[in-house]
Amino acid sequence: MKTETLNVSVPKELAEFIRQDMSAGAYDTVNEYLRELIRQQRQVRIQADVKLLDEALKCAPTREPAQQFFDTVSKIQKRLRARRRRAT
């Protein structure tokens, strides 16, 4: 994996917290510590996205919509296009 160097500045209080947390978590370097925190945050975001998709799928229709649905969508699209043309 290609790496990129980032410089991070933190207040002294956070730096001290990092040092204490590193020793408790058995991290040898600040880089290892920060990489692990970033990985954890990425995993949290992935889990939130999966949960959102799961919830969306629960509300998804179980069958193909009736033709009336497509007709209604088409009418709405035509009205919106007409409004846009009048606005320009």
PDB file of N, CA and C in Angstrom:
ATOM      1  N   MET A   1       0.845  -1.169   0.000  1.00  0.00           N
ATOM      2  CA  MET A   1       0.000   0.000   0.000  1.00  0.00           C
ATOM      3  C   MET A   1       0.893   1.236   0.000  1.00  0.00           C
ATOM      4  N   LYS A   2       0.593   2.166  -0.891  1.00  0.00           N
ATOM      5  CA  LYS A   2       1.350   3.406  -0.958  1.00  0.00           C
ATOM      6  C   LYS A   2       1.009   4.255   0.262  1.00  0.00           C
ATOM      7  N   THR A   3       1.999   4.887   0.829  1.00  0.00           N
ATOM      8  CA  THR A   3       1.761   5.710   2.012  1.00  0.00           C
ATOM      9  C   THR A   3       1.974   7.179   1.692  1.00  0.00           C
ATOM     10  N   GLU A   4       1.409   8.002   2.529  1.00  0.00           N
ATOM     11  CA  GLU A   4       1.549   9.446   2.426  1.00  0.00           C
ATOM     12  C   GLU A   4       1.848   9.969   3.816  1.00  0.00           C
ATOM     13  N   THR A   5       2.712  10.927   3.889  1.00  0.00           N
ATOM     14  CA  THR A   5       3.089  11.498   5.179  1.00  0.00           C
ATOM     15  C   THR A   5       2.197  12.684   5.492  1.00  0.00           C
ATOM     16  N   LEU A   6       1.629  12.676   6.684  1.00  0.00           N
ATOM     17  CA  LEU A   6       0.825  13.787   7.183  1.00  0.00           C
ATOM     18  C   LEU A   6       1.448  14.270   8.482  1.00  0.00           C
ATOM     19  N   ASN A   7       1.492  15.556   8.663  1.00  0.00           N
ATOM     20  CA  ASN A   7       1.972  16.120   9.920  1.00  0.00           C
ATOM     21  C   ASN A   7       0.771  16.559  10.732  1.00  0.00           C
ATOM     22  N   VAL A   8       0.749  16.172  12.000  1.00  0.00           N
ATOM     23  CA  VAL A   8      -0.376  16.492  12.864  1.00  0.00           C
ATOM     24  C   VAL A   8       0.133  17.236  14.080  1.00  0.00           C
ATOM     25  N   SER A   9      -0.493  18.358  14.368  1.00  0.00           N
ATOM     26  CA  SER A   9      -0.179  19.108  15.579  1.00  0.00           C
ATOM     27  C   SER A   9      -1.347  18.980  16.544  1.00  0.00           C
ATOM     28  N   VAL A  10      -1.034  18.703  17.792  1.00  0.00           N
ATOM     29  CA  VAL A  10      -2.082  18.579  18.804  1.00  0.00           C
ATOM     30  C   VAL A  10      -1.675  19.395  20.021  1.00  0.00           C
ATOM     31  N   PRO A  11      -2.649  19.850  20.804  1.00  0.00           N
ATOM     32  CA  PRO A  11      -2.318  20.554  22.052  1.00  0.00           C
ATOM     33  C   PRO A  11      -1.569  19.620  23.000  1.00  0.00           C
ATOM     34  N   LYS A  12      -0.841  20.204  23.925  1.00  0.00           N
ATOM     35  CA  LYS A  12      -0.037  19.420  24.871  1.00  0.00           C
ATOM     36  C   LYS A  12      -0.876  18.408  25.648  1.00  0.00           C
ATOM     37  N   GLU A  13      -2.094  18.803  26.008  1.00  0.00           N
ATOM     38  CA  GLU A  13      -2.960  17.906  26.774  1.00  0.00           C
ATOM     39  C   GLU A  13      -3.281  16.647  25.966  1.00  0.00           C
ATOM     40  N   LEU A  14      -3.549  16.832  24.670  1.00  0.00           N
ATOM     41  CA  LEU A  14      -3.823  15.668  23.830  1.00  0.00           C
ATOM     42  C   LEU A  14      -2.580  14.828  23.614  1.00  0.00           C
ATOM     43  N   ALA A  15      -1.441  15.469  23.479  1.00  0.00           N
ATOM     44  CA  ALA A  15      -0.189  14.727  23.309  1.00  0.00           C
ATOM     45  C   ALA A  15       0.067  13.851  24.533  1.00  0.00           C
ATOM     46  N   GLU A  16      -0.179  14.396  25.707  1.00  0.00           N
ATOM     47  CA  GLU A  16       0.003  13.618  26.936  1.00  0.00           C
ATOM     48  C   GLU A  16      -0.996  12.468  26.995  1.00  0.00           C
ATOM     49  N   PHE A  17      -2.230  12.735  26.613  1.00  0.00           N
ATOM     50  CA  PHE A  17      -3.235  11.681  26.575  1.00  0.00           C
ATOM     51  C   PHE A  17      -2.806  10.570  25.621  1.00  0.00           C
ATOM     52  N   ILE A  18      -2.292  10.951  24.454  1.00  0.00           N
ATOM     53  CA  ILE A  18      -1.832   9.962  23.468  1.00  0.00           C
ATOM     54  C   ILE A  18      -0.738   9.099  24.059  1.00  0.00           C
ATOM     55  N   ARG A  19       0.234   9.734  24.714  1.00  0.00           N
ATOM     56  CA  ARG A  19       1.343   8.971  25.326  1.00  0.00           C
ATOM     57  C   ARG A  19       0.820   7.985  26.367  1.00  0.00           C
ATOM     58  N   GLN A  20      -0.092   8.431  27.212  1.00  0.00           N
ATOM     59  CA  GLN A  20      -0.654   7.553  28.239  1.00  0.00           C
ATOM     60  C   GLN A  20      -1.445   6.410  27.605  1.00  0.00           C
ATOM     61  N   ASP A  21      -2.241   6.734  26.614  1.00  0.00           N
ATOM     62  CA  ASP A  21      -3.059   5.728  25.948  1.00  0.00           C
ATOM     63  C   ASP A  21      -2.183   4.743  25.181  1.00  0.00           C
ATOM     64  N   MET A  22      -1.096   5.239  24.612  1.00  0.00           N
ATOM     65  CA  MET A  22      -0.171   4.366  23.880  1.00  0.00           C
ATOM     66  C   MET A  22       0.426   3.311  24.807  1.00  0.00           C
ATOM     67  N   SER A  23       0.849   3.744  25.978  1.00  0.00           N
ATOM     68  CA  SER A  23       1.469   2.785  26.900  1.00  0.00           C
ATOM     69  C   SER A  23       0.445   1.767  27.389  1.00  0.00           C
ATOM     70  N   ALA A  24      -0.783   2.204  27.577  1.00  0.00           N
ATOM     71  CA  ALA A  24      -1.834   1.288  28.026  1.00  0.00           C
ATOM     72  C   ALA A  24      -2.249   0.343  26.905  1.00  0.00           C
ATOM     73  N   GLY A  25      -2.183   0.810  25.657  1.00  0.00           N
ATOM     74  CA  GLY A  25      -2.628   0.003  24.530  1.00  0.00           C
ATOM     75  C   GLY A  25      -1.510  -0.738  23.835  1.00  0.00           C
ATOM     76  N   ALA A  26      -0.294  -0.633  24.336  1.00  0.00           N
ATOM     77  CA  ALA A  26       0.863  -1.347  23.793  1.00  0.00           C
ATOM     78  C   ALA A  26       1.190  -0.928  22.363  1.00  0.00           C
ATOM     79  N   TYR A  27       1.152   0.364  22.104  1.00  0.00           N
ATOM     80  CA  TYR A  27       1.580   0.886  20.811  1.00  0.00           C
ATOM     81  C   TYR A  27       3.009   1.385  20.963  1.00  0.00           C
ATOM     82  N   ASP A  28       3.854   1.050  20.006  1.00  0.00           N
ATOM     83  CA  ASP A  28       5.256   1.459  20.069  1.00  0.00           C
ATOM     84  C   ASP A  28       5.476   2.885  19.578  1.00  0.00           C
ATOM     85  N   THR A  29       4.648   3.333  18.643  1.00  0.00           N
ATOM     86  CA  THR A  29       4.834   4.668  18.078  1.00  0.00           C
ATOM     87  C   THR A  29       3.499   5.389  17.976  1.00  0.00           C
ATOM     88  N   VAL A  30       3.590   6.699  17.867  1.00  0.00           N
ATOM     89  CA  VAL A  30       2.390   7.509  17.658  1.00  0.00           C
ATOM     90  C   VAL A  30       1.748   7.128  16.331  1.00  0.00           C
ATOM     91  N   ASN A  31       2.557   6.823  15.339  1.00  0.00           N
ATOM     92  CA  ASN A  31       2.016   6.417  14.045  1.00  0.00           C
ATOM     93  C   ASN A  31       1.122   5.184  14.171  1.00  0.00           C
ATOM     94  N   GLU A  32       1.593   4.168  14.882  1.00  0.00           N
ATOM     95  CA  GLU A  32       0.784   2.966  15.079  1.00  0.00           C
ATOM     96  C   GLU A  32      -0.524   3.310  15.788  1.00  0.00           C
ATOM     97  N   TYR A  33      -0.413   4.133  16.793  1.00  0.00           N
ATOM     98  CA  TYR A  33      -1.583   4.538  17.572  1.00  0.00           C
ATOM     99  C   TYR A  33      -2.610   5.244  16.690  1.00  0.00           C
ATOM    100  N   LEU A  34      -2.157   6.229  15.918  1.00  0.00           N
ATOM    101  CA  LEU A  34      -3.064   6.987  15.064  1.00  0.00           C
ATOM    102  C   LEU A  34      -3.651   6.130  13.953  1.00  0.00           C
ATOM    103  N   ARG A  35      -2.838   5.263  13.369  1.00  0.00           N
ATOM    104  CA  ARG A  35      -3.361   4.371  12.325  1.00  0.00           C
ATOM    105  C   ARG A  35      -4.494   3.503  12.871  1.00  0.00           C
ATOM    106  N   GLU A  36      -4.298   2.992  14.064  1.00  0.00           N
ATOM    107  CA  GLU A  36      -5.340   2.145  14.666  1.00  0.00           C
ATOM    108  C   GLU A  36      -6.616   2.941  14.926  1.00  0.00           C
ATOM    109  N   LEU A  37      -6.484   4.171  15.416  1.00  0.00           N
ATOM    110  CA  LEU A  37      -7.661   5.008  15.644  1.00  0.00           C
ATOM    111  C   LEU A  37      -8.396   5.294  14.337  1.00  0.00           C
ATOM    112  N   ILE A  38      -7.644   5.553  13.285  1.00  0.00           N
ATOM    113  CA  ILE A  38      -8.255   5.827  11.984  1.00  0.00           C
ATOM    114  C   ILE A  38      -8.957   4.583  11.465  1.00  0.00           C
ATOM    115  N   ARG A  39      -8.326   3.426  11.599  1.00  0.00           N
ATOM    116  CA  ARG A  39      -8.970   2.175  11.170  1.00  0.00           C
ATOM    117  C   ARG A  39     -10.274   1.944  11.933  1.00  0.00           C
ATOM    118  N   GLN A  40     -10.249   2.197  13.233  1.00  0.00           N
ATOM    119  CA  GLN A  40     -11.454   2.027  14.045  1.00  0.00           C
ATOM    120  C   GLN A  40     -12.556   2.973  13.583  1.00  0.00           C
ATOM    121  N   GLN A  41     -12.200   4.220  13.302  1.00  0.00           N
ATOM    122  CA  GLN A  41     -13.191   5.193  12.841  1.00  0.00           C
ATOM    123  C   GLN A  41     -13.750   4.790  11.493  1.00  0.00           C
ATOM    124  N   ARG A  42     -12.887   4.288  10.603  1.00  0.00           N
ATOM    125  CA  ARG A  42     -13.349   3.827   9.293  1.00  0.00           C
ATOM    126  C   ARG A  42     -14.328   2.664   9.471  1.00  0.00           C
ATOM    127  N   GLN A  43     -14.041   1.745  10.388  1.00  0.00           N
ATOM    128  CA  GLN A  43     -14.930   0.607  10.637  1.00  0.00           C
ATOM    129  C   GLN A  43     -16.271   1.069  11.188  1.00  0.00           C
ATOM    130  N   VAL A  44     -16.259   2.062  12.065  1.00  0.00           N
ATOM    131  CA  VAL A  44     -17.506   2.623  12.599  1.00  0.00           C
ATOM    132  C   VAL A  44     -18.351   3.188  11.463  1.00  0.00           C
ATOM    133  N   ARG A  45     -17.713   3.908  10.535  1.00  0.00           N
ATOM    134  CA  ARG A  45     -18.443   4.491   9.410  1.00  0.00           C
ATOM    135  C   ARG A  45     -19.008   3.403   8.501  1.00  0.00           C
ATOM    136  N   ILE A  46     -18.229   2.363   8.247  1.00  0.00           N
ATOM    137  CA  ILE A  46     -18.702   1.258   7.410  1.00  0.00           C
ATOM    138  C   ILE A  46     -19.912   0.599   8.062  1.00  0.00           C
ATOM    139  N   GLN A  47     -19.834   0.355   9.359  1.00  0.00           N
ATOM    140  CA  GLN A  47     -20.953  -0.271  10.062  1.00  0.00           C
ATOM    141  C   GLN A  47     -22.204   0.609  10.017  1.00  0.00           C
ATOM    142  N   ALA A  48     -22.025   1.922  10.139  1.00  0.00           N
ATOM    143  CA  ALA A  48     -23.165   2.840  10.059  1.00  0.00           C
ATOM    144  C   ALA A  48     -23.779   2.806   8.658  1.00  0.00           C
ATOM    145  N   ASP A  49     -22.941   2.749   7.630  1.00  0.00           N
ATOM    146  CA  ASP A  49     -23.443   2.674   6.257  1.00  0.00           C
ATOM    147  C   ASP A  49     -24.208   1.379   6.025  1.00  0.00           C
ATOM    148  N   VAL A  50     -23.678   0.282   6.530  1.00  0.00           N
ATOM    149  CA  VAL A  50     -24.359  -1.017   6.376  1.00  0.00           C
ATOM    150  C   VAL A  50     -25.703  -0.989   7.098  1.00  0.00           C
ATOM    151  N   LYS A  51     -25.734  -0.410   8.283  1.00  0.00           N
ATOM    152  CA  LYS A  51     -26.989  -0.316   9.039  1.00  0.00           C
ATOM    153  C   LYS A  51     -28.005   0.520   8.262  1.00  0.00           C
ATOM    154  N   LEU A  52     -27.554   1.631   7.689  1.00  0.00           N
ATOM    155  CA  LEU A  52     -28.445   2.477   6.909  1.00  0.00           C
ATOM    156  C   LEU A  52     -29.003   1.719   5.709  1.00  0.00           C
ATOM    157  N   LEU A  53     -28.143   0.993   5.012  1.00  0.00           N
ATOM    158  CA  LEU A  53     -28.605   0.207   3.866  1.00  0.00           C
ATOM    159  C   LEU A  53     -29.583  -0.887   4.294  1.00  0.00           C
ATOM    160  N   ASP A  54     -29.298  -1.543   5.405  1.00  0.00           N
ATOM    161  CA  ASP A  54     -30.215  -2.565   5.914  1.00  0.00           C
ATOM    162  C   ASP A  54     -31.594  -1.966   6.198  1.00  0.00           C
ATOM    163  N   GLU A  55     -31.617  -0.783   6.818  1.00  0.00           N
ATOM    164  CA  GLU A  55     -32.889  -0.132   7.120  1.00  0.00           C
ATOM    165  C   GLU A  55     -33.606   0.268   5.836  1.00  0.00           C
ATOM    166  N   ALA A  56     -32.850   0.751   4.860  1.00  0.00           N
ATOM    167  CA  ALA A  56     -33.459   1.144   3.585  1.00  0.00           C
ATOM    168  C   ALA A  56     -34.059  -0.067   2.881  1.00  0.00           C
ATOM    169  N   LEU A  57     -33.374  -1.189   2.951  1.00  0.00           N
ATOM    170  CA  LEU A  57     -33.883  -2.398   2.299  1.00  0.00           C
ATOM    171  C   LEU A  57     -35.166  -2.901   2.948  1.00  0.00           C
ATOM    172  N   LYS A  58     -35.316  -2.655   4.226  1.00  0.00           N
ATOM    173  CA  LYS A  58     -36.544  -3.075   4.909  1.00  0.00           C
ATOM    174  C   LYS A  58     -37.761  -2.339   4.341  1.00  0.00           C
ATOM    175  N   CYS A  59     -37.523  -1.107   3.856  1.00  0.00           N
ATOM    176  CA  CYS A  59     -38.620  -0.298   3.319  1.00  0.00           C
ATOM    177  C   CYS A  59     -38.758  -0.437   1.809  1.00  0.00           C
ATOM    178  N   ALA A  60     -37.870  -1.176   1.183  1.00  0.00           N
ATOM    179  CA  ALA A  60     -37.919  -1.327  -0.267  1.00  0.00           C
ATOM    180  C   ALA A  60     -39.131  -2.150  -0.672  1.00  0.00           C
ATOM    181  N   PRO A  61     -39.713  -1.799  -1.821  1.00  0.00           N
ATOM    182  CA  PRO A  61     -40.863  -2.586  -2.280  1.00  0.00           C
ATOM    183  C   PRO A  61     -40.445  -4.023  -2.580  1.00  0.00           C
ATOM    184  N   THR A  62     -41.366  -4.938  -2.351  1.00  0.00           N
ATOM    185  CA  THR A  62     -41.052  -6.356  -2.579  1.00  0.00           C
ATOM    186  C   THR A  62     -41.454  -6.803  -3.969  1.00  0.00           C
ATOM    187  N   ARG A  63     -42.120  -5.920  -4.703  1.00  0.00           N
ATOM    188  CA  ARG A  63     -42.519  -6.266  -6.068  1.00  0.00           C
ATOM    189  C   ARG A  63     -42.349  -5.039  -6.948  1.00  0.00           C
ATOM    190  N   GLU A  64     -42.455  -5.253  -8.239  1.00  0.00           N
ATOM    191  CA  GLU A  64     -42.342  -4.165  -9.210  1.00  0.00           C
ATOM    192  C   GLU A  64     -43.512  -3.194  -9.025  1.00  0.00           C
ATOM    193  N   PRO A  65     -43.236  -1.878  -9.027  1.00  0.00           N
ATOM    194  CA  PRO A  65     -44.332  -0.922  -8.884  1.00  0.00           C
ATOM    195  C   PRO A  65     -45.309  -1.015 -10.058  1.00  0.00           C
ATOM    196  N   ALA A  66     -46.541  -0.638  -9.809  1.00  0.00           N
ATOM    197  CA  ALA A  66     -47.562  -0.643 -10.858  1.00  0.00           C
ATOM    198  C   ALA A  66     -47.235   0.430 -11.890  1.00  0.00           C
ATOM    199  N   GLN A  67     -47.774   0.282 -13.087  1.00  0.00           N
ATOM    200  CA  GLN A  67     -47.541   1.245 -14.161  1.00  0.00           C
ATOM    201  C   GLN A  67     -47.950   2.652 -13.743  1.00  0.00           C
ATOM    202  N   GLN A  68     -48.953   2.759 -12.891  1.00  0.00           N
ATOM    203  CA  GLN A  68     -49.413   4.062 -12.409  1.00  0.00           C
ATOM    204  C   GLN A  68     -48.269   4.830 -11.739  1.00  0.00           C
ATOM    205  N   PHE A  69     -47.416   4.136 -11.012  1.00  0.00           N
ATOM    206  CA  PHE A  69     -46.269   4.776 -10.372  1.00  0.00           C
ATOM    207  C   PHE A  69     -45.374   5.432 -11.415  1.00  0.00           C
ATOM    208  N   PHE A  70     -45.034   4.687 -12.475  1.00  0.00           N
ATOM    209  CA  PHE A  70     -44.165   5.218 -13.520  1.00  0.00           C
ATOM    210  C   PHE A  70     -44.830   6.372 -14.256  1.00  0.00           C
ATOM    211  N   ASP A  71     -46.138   6.283 -14.467  1.00  0.00           N
ATOM    212  CA  ASP A  71     -46.867   7.371 -15.115  1.00  0.00           C
ATOM    213  C   ASP A  71     -46.811   8.639 -14.263  1.00  0.00           C
ATOM    214  N   THR A  72     -46.993   8.480 -12.965  1.00  0.00           N
ATOM    215  CA  THR A  72     -46.949   9.626 -12.053  1.00  0.00           C
ATOM    216  C   THR A  72     -45.566  10.257 -12.046  1.00  0.00           C
ATOM    217  N   VAL A  73     -44.530   9.443 -11.978  1.00  0.00           N
ATOM    218  CA  VAL A  73     -43.157   9.955 -11.996  1.00  0.00           C
ATOM    219  C   VAL A  73     -42.896  10.705 -13.296  1.00  0.00           C
ATOM    220  N   SER A  74     -43.356  10.171 -14.405  1.00  0.00           N
ATOM    221  CA  SER A  74     -43.175  10.814 -15.707  1.00  0.00           C
ATOM    222  C   SER A  74     -43.860  12.181 -15.752  1.00  0.00           C
ATOM    223  N   LYS A  75     -45.071  12.271 -15.224  1.00  0.00           N
ATOM    224  CA  LYS A  75     -45.791  13.543 -15.196  1.00  0.00           C
ATOM    225  C   LYS A  75     -45.051  14.573 -14.348  1.00  0.00           C
ATOM    226  N   ILE A  76     -44.560  14.148 -13.204  1.00  0.00           N
ATOM    227  CA  ILE A  76     -43.818  15.057 -12.326  1.00  0.00           C
ATOM    228  C   ILE A  76     -42.552  15.547 -13.020  1.00  0.00           C
ATOM    229  N   GLN A  77     -41.839  14.642 -13.676  1.00  0.00           N
ATOM    230  CA  GLN A  77     -40.628  15.035 -14.393  1.00  0.00           C
ATOM    231  C   GLN A  77     -40.946  16.057 -15.479  1.00  0.00           C
ATOM    232  N   LYS A  78     -42.018  15.862 -16.223  1.00  0.00           N
ATOM    233  CA  LYS A  78     -42.401  16.799 -17.286  1.00  0.00           C
ATOM    234  C   LYS A  78     -42.724  18.167 -16.710  1.00  0.00           C
ATOM    235  N   ARG A  79     -43.453  18.191 -15.576  1.00  0.00           N
ATOM    236  CA  ARG A  79     -43.771  19.477 -14.948  1.00  0.00           C
ATOM    237  C   ARG A  79     -42.510  20.198 -14.486  1.00  0.00           C
ATOM    238  N   LEU A  80     -41.578  19.452 -13.882  1.00  0.00           N
ATOM    239  CA  LEU A  80     -40.333  20.068 -13.414  1.00  0.00           C
ATOM    240  C   LEU A  80     -39.522  20.622 -14.577  1.00  0.00           C
ATOM    241  N   ARG A  81     -39.456  19.878 -15.669  1.00  0.00           N
ATOM    242  CA  ARG A  81     -38.721  20.360 -16.845  1.00  0.00           C
ATOM    243  C   ARG A  81     -39.364  21.619 -17.400  1.00  0.00           C
ATOM    244  N   ALA A  82     -40.688  21.650 -17.440  1.00  0.00           N
ATOM    245  CA  ALA A  82     -41.393  22.834 -17.944  1.00  0.00           C
ATOM    246  C   ALA A  82     -41.121  24.041 -17.054  1.00  0.00           C
ATOM    247  N   ARG A  83     -41.113  23.852 -15.740  1.00  0.00           N
ATOM    248  CA  ARG A  83     -40.808  24.955 -14.812  1.00  0.00           C
ATOM    249  C   ARG A  83     -39.392  25.465 -15.028  1.00  0.00           C
ATOM    250  N   ARG A  84     -38.450  24.554 -15.227  1.00  0.00           N
ATOM    251  CA  ARG A  84     -37.057  24.959 -15.461  1.00  0.00           C
ATOM    252  C   ARG A  84     -36.935  25.778 -16.737  1.00  0.00           C
ATOM    253  N   ARG A  85     -37.642  25.359 -17.785  1.00  0.00           N
ATOM    254  CA  ARG A  85     -37.580  26.093 -19.041  1.00  0.00           C
ATOM    255  C   ARG A  85     -38.161  27.498 -18.888  1.00  0.00           C
ATOM    256  N   ARG A  86     -39.246  27.606 -18.141  1.00  0.00           N
ATOM    257  CA  ARG A  86     -39.856  28.927 -17.921  1.00  0.00           C
ATOM    258  C   ARG A  86     -38.960  29.814 -17.073  1.00  0.00           C
ATOM    259  N   ALA A  87     -38.214  29.201 -16.143  1.00  0.00           N
ATOM    260  CA  ALA A  87     -37.349  29.968 -15.235  1.00  0.00           C
ATOM    261  C   ALA A  87     -36.104  30.507 -15.943  1.00  0.00           C
ATOM    262  N   THR A  88     -35.714  29.883 -17.040  1.00  0.00           N
ATOM    263  CA  THR A  88     -34.499  30.346 -17.731  1.00  0.00           C
ATOM    264  C   THR A  88     -34.792  31.296 -18.848  1.00  0.00           C
TER     265      THR A  88
END
